[in-house]
Amino acid sequence: MNELTYGMKAVGLTFNPSGDEKVTEVKTLCAKVIDLLNELRADQRNEQSRLLSVAITEMQTAQMWAVKWITWKD
């Protein structure tokens, strides 16, 4: 794999001990959204920047809960 993007690092794309394809898919999709939000944030230096930072954090949170669901074992 080439150098990881900001989004890939933010979701921990390379961490998937179960090797589950659904985990990889969710993380990849969330990483793409985070990369887009991060690009938009680079042009902002005001309240909009803060809002994008919150959106990135919430995307990370959503990704973690989705992975939790995928890997849940009863």
N, C-alpha and C. Protein backbone atom coordinates (compact mmCIF):
# COMPACT_ATOMS: atom_id res chain seq x y z
N MET A 1 0.84 -1.18 0.00
CA MET A 1 0.00 0.00 0.00
C MET A 1 0.89 1.24 0.00
N ASN A 2 0.48 2.23 -0.77
CA ASN A 2 1.20 3.49 -0.80
C ASN A 2 1.02 4.22 0.52
N GLU A 3 1.55 5.43 0.58
CA GLU A 3 1.39 6.24 1.79
C GLU A 3 -0.09 6.44 2.10
N LEU A 4 -0.43 6.33 3.36
CA LEU A 4 -1.82 6.47 3.77
C LEU A 4 -2.27 7.92 3.72
N THR A 5 -3.52 8.13 3.33
CA THR A 5 -4.09 9.48 3.36
C THR A 5 -4.46 9.82 4.79
N TYR A 6 -4.82 11.07 5.00
CA TYR A 6 -5.27 11.51 6.32
C TYR A 6 -6.47 10.66 6.78
N GLY A 7 -7.41 10.47 5.89
CA GLY A 7 -8.61 9.70 6.23
C GLY A 7 -8.29 8.26 6.57
N MET A 8 -7.39 7.65 5.80
CA MET A 8 -6.99 6.26 6.08
C MET A 8 -6.36 6.13 7.47
N LYS A 9 -5.54 7.12 7.81
CA LYS A 9 -4.94 7.12 9.15
C LYS A 9 -6.00 7.35 10.21
N ALA A 10 -6.94 8.25 9.93
CA ALA A 10 -7.96 8.61 10.91
C ALA A 10 -8.87 7.45 11.27
N VAL A 11 -9.10 6.54 10.33
CA VAL A 11 -9.97 5.38 10.61
C VAL A 11 -9.18 4.12 10.95
N GLY A 12 -7.87 4.20 10.90
CA GLY A 12 -7.07 3.01 11.19
C GLY A 12 -7.27 1.93 10.15
N LEU A 13 -7.20 2.32 8.89
CA LEU A 13 -7.50 1.40 7.79
C LEU A 13 -6.67 0.11 7.83
N THR A 14 -5.45 0.20 8.26
CA THR A 14 -4.58 -0.99 8.24
C THR A 14 -4.83 -1.91 9.43
N PHE A 15 -5.66 -1.49 10.40
CA PHE A 15 -5.95 -2.33 11.56
C PHE A 15 -7.26 -3.07 11.34
N ASN A 16 -7.14 -4.35 11.07
CA ASN A 16 -8.30 -5.20 10.83
C ASN A 16 -7.89 -6.63 11.17
N PRO A 17 -7.70 -6.93 12.46
CA PRO A 17 -7.21 -8.25 12.86
C PRO A 17 -8.08 -9.41 12.38
N SER A 18 -9.39 -9.16 12.23
CA SER A 18 -10.28 -10.23 11.79
C SER A 18 -10.17 -10.47 10.29
N GLY A 19 -9.61 -9.50 9.55
CA GLY A 19 -9.52 -9.63 8.10
C GLY A 19 -10.89 -9.56 7.42
N ASP A 20 -11.88 -9.04 8.12
CA ASP A 20 -13.25 -8.98 7.60
C ASP A 20 -13.35 -7.95 6.47
N GLU A 21 -13.88 -8.38 5.33
CA GLU A 21 -14.00 -7.50 4.16
C GLU A 21 -14.96 -6.34 4.42
N LYS A 22 -15.99 -6.59 5.23
CA LYS A 22 -16.95 -5.52 5.55
C LYS A 22 -16.28 -4.43 6.37
N VAL A 23 -15.39 -4.81 7.28
CA VAL A 23 -14.64 -3.82 8.06
C VAL A 23 -13.81 -2.96 7.12
N THR A 24 -13.12 -3.59 6.20
CA THR A 24 -12.30 -2.85 5.24
C THR A 24 -13.17 -1.91 4.40
N GLU A 25 -14.32 -2.39 3.96
CA GLU A 25 -15.21 -1.56 3.14
C GLU A 25 -15.71 -0.34 3.90
N VAL A 26 -16.17 -0.54 5.14
CA VAL A 26 -16.66 0.58 5.95
C VAL A 26 -15.54 1.58 6.20
N LYS A 27 -14.38 1.08 6.57
CA LYS A 27 -13.26 1.98 6.85
C LYS A 27 -12.83 2.75 5.60
N THR A 28 -12.83 2.08 4.46
CA THR A 28 -12.44 2.73 3.20
C THR A 28 -13.42 3.84 2.83
N LEU A 29 -14.71 3.56 2.95
CA LEU A 29 -15.72 4.58 2.63
C LEU A 29 -15.64 5.76 3.58
N CYS A 30 -15.50 5.49 4.86
CA CYS A 30 -15.39 6.57 5.84
C CYS A 30 -14.11 7.39 5.61
N ALA A 31 -13.03 6.72 5.25
CA ALA A 31 -11.77 7.41 4.97
C ALA A 31 -11.93 8.38 3.80
N LYS A 32 -12.68 7.98 2.78
CA LYS A 32 -12.91 8.86 1.63
C LYS A 32 -13.68 10.11 2.04
N VAL A 33 -14.70 9.93 2.87
CA VAL A 33 -15.47 11.09 3.34
C VAL A 33 -14.58 12.01 4.18
N ILE A 34 -13.80 11.42 5.07
CA ILE A 34 -12.90 12.22 5.90
C ILE A 34 -11.89 12.97 5.05
N ASP A 35 -11.35 12.33 4.02
CA ASP A 35 -10.40 13.01 3.13
C ASP A 35 -11.06 14.22 2.46
N LEU A 36 -12.29 14.06 2.01
CA LEU A 36 -13.01 15.18 1.39
C LEU A 36 -13.22 16.32 2.39
N LEU A 37 -13.68 15.98 3.59
CA LEU A 37 -13.90 17.00 4.62
C LEU A 37 -12.59 17.69 4.99
N ASN A 38 -11.52 16.92 5.05
CA ASN A 38 -10.21 17.50 5.38
C ASN A 38 -9.74 18.46 4.29
N GLU A 39 -9.99 18.12 3.03
CA GLU A 39 -9.64 19.04 1.93
C GLU A 39 -10.42 20.34 2.06
N LEU A 40 -11.71 20.24 2.34
CA LEU A 40 -12.53 21.44 2.49
C LEU A 40 -12.07 22.27 3.68
N ARG A 41 -11.67 21.60 4.75
CA ARG A 41 -11.23 22.27 5.97
C ARG A 41 -9.95 23.06 5.74
N ALA A 42 -9.10 22.61 4.83
CA ALA A 42 -7.82 23.27 4.58
C ALA A 42 -8.00 24.71 4.11
N ASP A 43 -9.13 24.98 3.49
CA ASP A 43 -9.39 26.32 2.96
C ASP A 43 -10.10 27.23 3.96
N GLN A 44 -10.39 26.73 5.14
CA GLN A 44 -11.18 27.47 6.11
C GLN A 44 -10.34 27.82 7.34
N ARG A 45 -10.61 28.96 7.92
CA ARG A 45 -9.94 29.36 9.16
C ARG A 45 -10.92 30.07 10.08
N ASN A 46 -12.08 29.49 10.23
CA ASN A 46 -13.11 30.15 11.01
C ASN A 46 -14.04 29.10 11.60
N GLU A 47 -15.26 29.48 11.87
CA GLU A 47 -16.24 28.54 12.43
C GLU A 47 -16.47 27.36 11.49
N GLN A 48 -16.38 27.60 10.19
CA GLN A 48 -16.56 26.50 9.23
C GLN A 48 -15.49 25.42 9.42
N SER A 49 -14.28 25.83 9.74
CA SER A 49 -13.20 24.88 9.99
C SER A 49 -13.54 24.00 11.20
N ARG A 50 -14.04 24.64 12.25
CA ARG A 50 -14.42 23.90 13.45
C ARG A 50 -15.54 22.91 13.15
N LEU A 51 -16.52 23.35 12.35
CA LEU A 51 -17.63 22.46 12.00
C LEU A 51 -17.13 21.24 11.22
N LEU A 52 -16.19 21.46 10.31
CA LEU A 52 -15.63 20.33 9.56
C LEU A 52 -14.84 19.40 10.47
N SER A 53 -14.15 19.97 11.45
CA SER A 53 -13.42 19.14 12.41
C SER A 53 -14.37 18.26 13.21
N VAL A 54 -15.50 18.83 13.61
CA VAL A 54 -16.51 18.05 14.32
C VAL A 54 -17.06 16.95 13.42
N ALA A 55 -17.31 17.27 12.16
CA ALA A 55 -17.82 16.28 11.21
C ALA A 55 -16.83 15.13 11.04
N ILE A 56 -15.54 15.44 10.99
CA ILE A 56 -14.52 14.41 10.87
C ILE A 56 -14.53 13.52 12.11
N THR A 57 -14.61 14.12 13.27
CA THR A 57 -14.66 13.34 14.51
C THR A 57 -15.88 12.43 14.54
N GLU A 58 -17.02 12.96 14.13
CA GLU A 58 -18.24 12.16 14.12
C GLU A 58 -18.17 11.03 13.09
N MET A 59 -17.50 11.26 11.97
CA MET A 59 -17.32 10.20 10.98
C MET A 59 -16.44 9.08 11.57
N GLN A 60 -15.41 9.47 12.30
CA GLN A 60 -14.58 8.46 12.98
C GLN A 60 -15.42 7.67 13.97
N THR A 61 -16.27 8.36 14.71
CA THR A 61 -17.12 7.69 15.68
C THR A 61 -18.08 6.73 14.99
N ALA A 62 -18.70 7.16 13.91
CA ALA A 62 -19.62 6.30 13.16
C ALA A 62 -18.91 5.06 12.64
N GLN A 63 -17.69 5.25 12.14
CA GLN A 63 -16.91 4.13 11.63
C GLN A 63 -16.63 3.13 12.74
N MET A 64 -16.28 3.62 13.91
CA MET A 64 -15.97 2.71 15.02
C MET A 64 -17.19 1.92 15.46
N TRP A 65 -18.36 2.57 15.52
CA TRP A 65 -19.58 1.85 15.90
C TRP A 65 -19.98 0.84 14.84
N ALA A 66 -19.79 1.18 13.57
CA ALA A 66 -20.11 0.24 12.49
C ALA A 66 -19.20 -0.99 12.56
N VAL A 67 -17.93 -0.77 12.81
CA VAL A 67 -17.00 -1.89 12.95
C VAL A 67 -17.35 -2.73 14.18
N LYS A 68 -17.76 -2.06 15.24
CA LYS A 68 -18.18 -2.77 16.44
C LYS A 68 -19.34 -3.71 16.11
N TRP A 69 -20.30 -3.22 15.34
CA TRP A 69 -21.44 -4.04 14.95
C TRP A 69 -20.98 -5.22 14.09
N ILE A 70 -20.13 -4.95 13.10
CA ILE A 70 -19.66 -6.01 12.19
C ILE A 70 -18.95 -7.11 12.95
N THR A 71 -18.17 -6.74 13.95
CA THR A 71 -17.33 -7.72 14.65
C THR A 71 -17.96 -8.24 15.94
N TRP A 72 -19.18 -7.83 16.26
CA TRP A 72 -19.85 -8.24 17.49
C TRP A 72 -20.03 -9.76 17.53
N LYS A 73 -19.65 -10.33 18.64
CA LYS A 73 -19.81 -11.78 18.86
C LYS A 73 -20.63 -11.98 20.11
N ASP A 74 -21.70 -12.77 20.02
CA ASP A 74 -22.51 -13.08 21.20
C ASP A 74 -21.91 -14.23 21.98
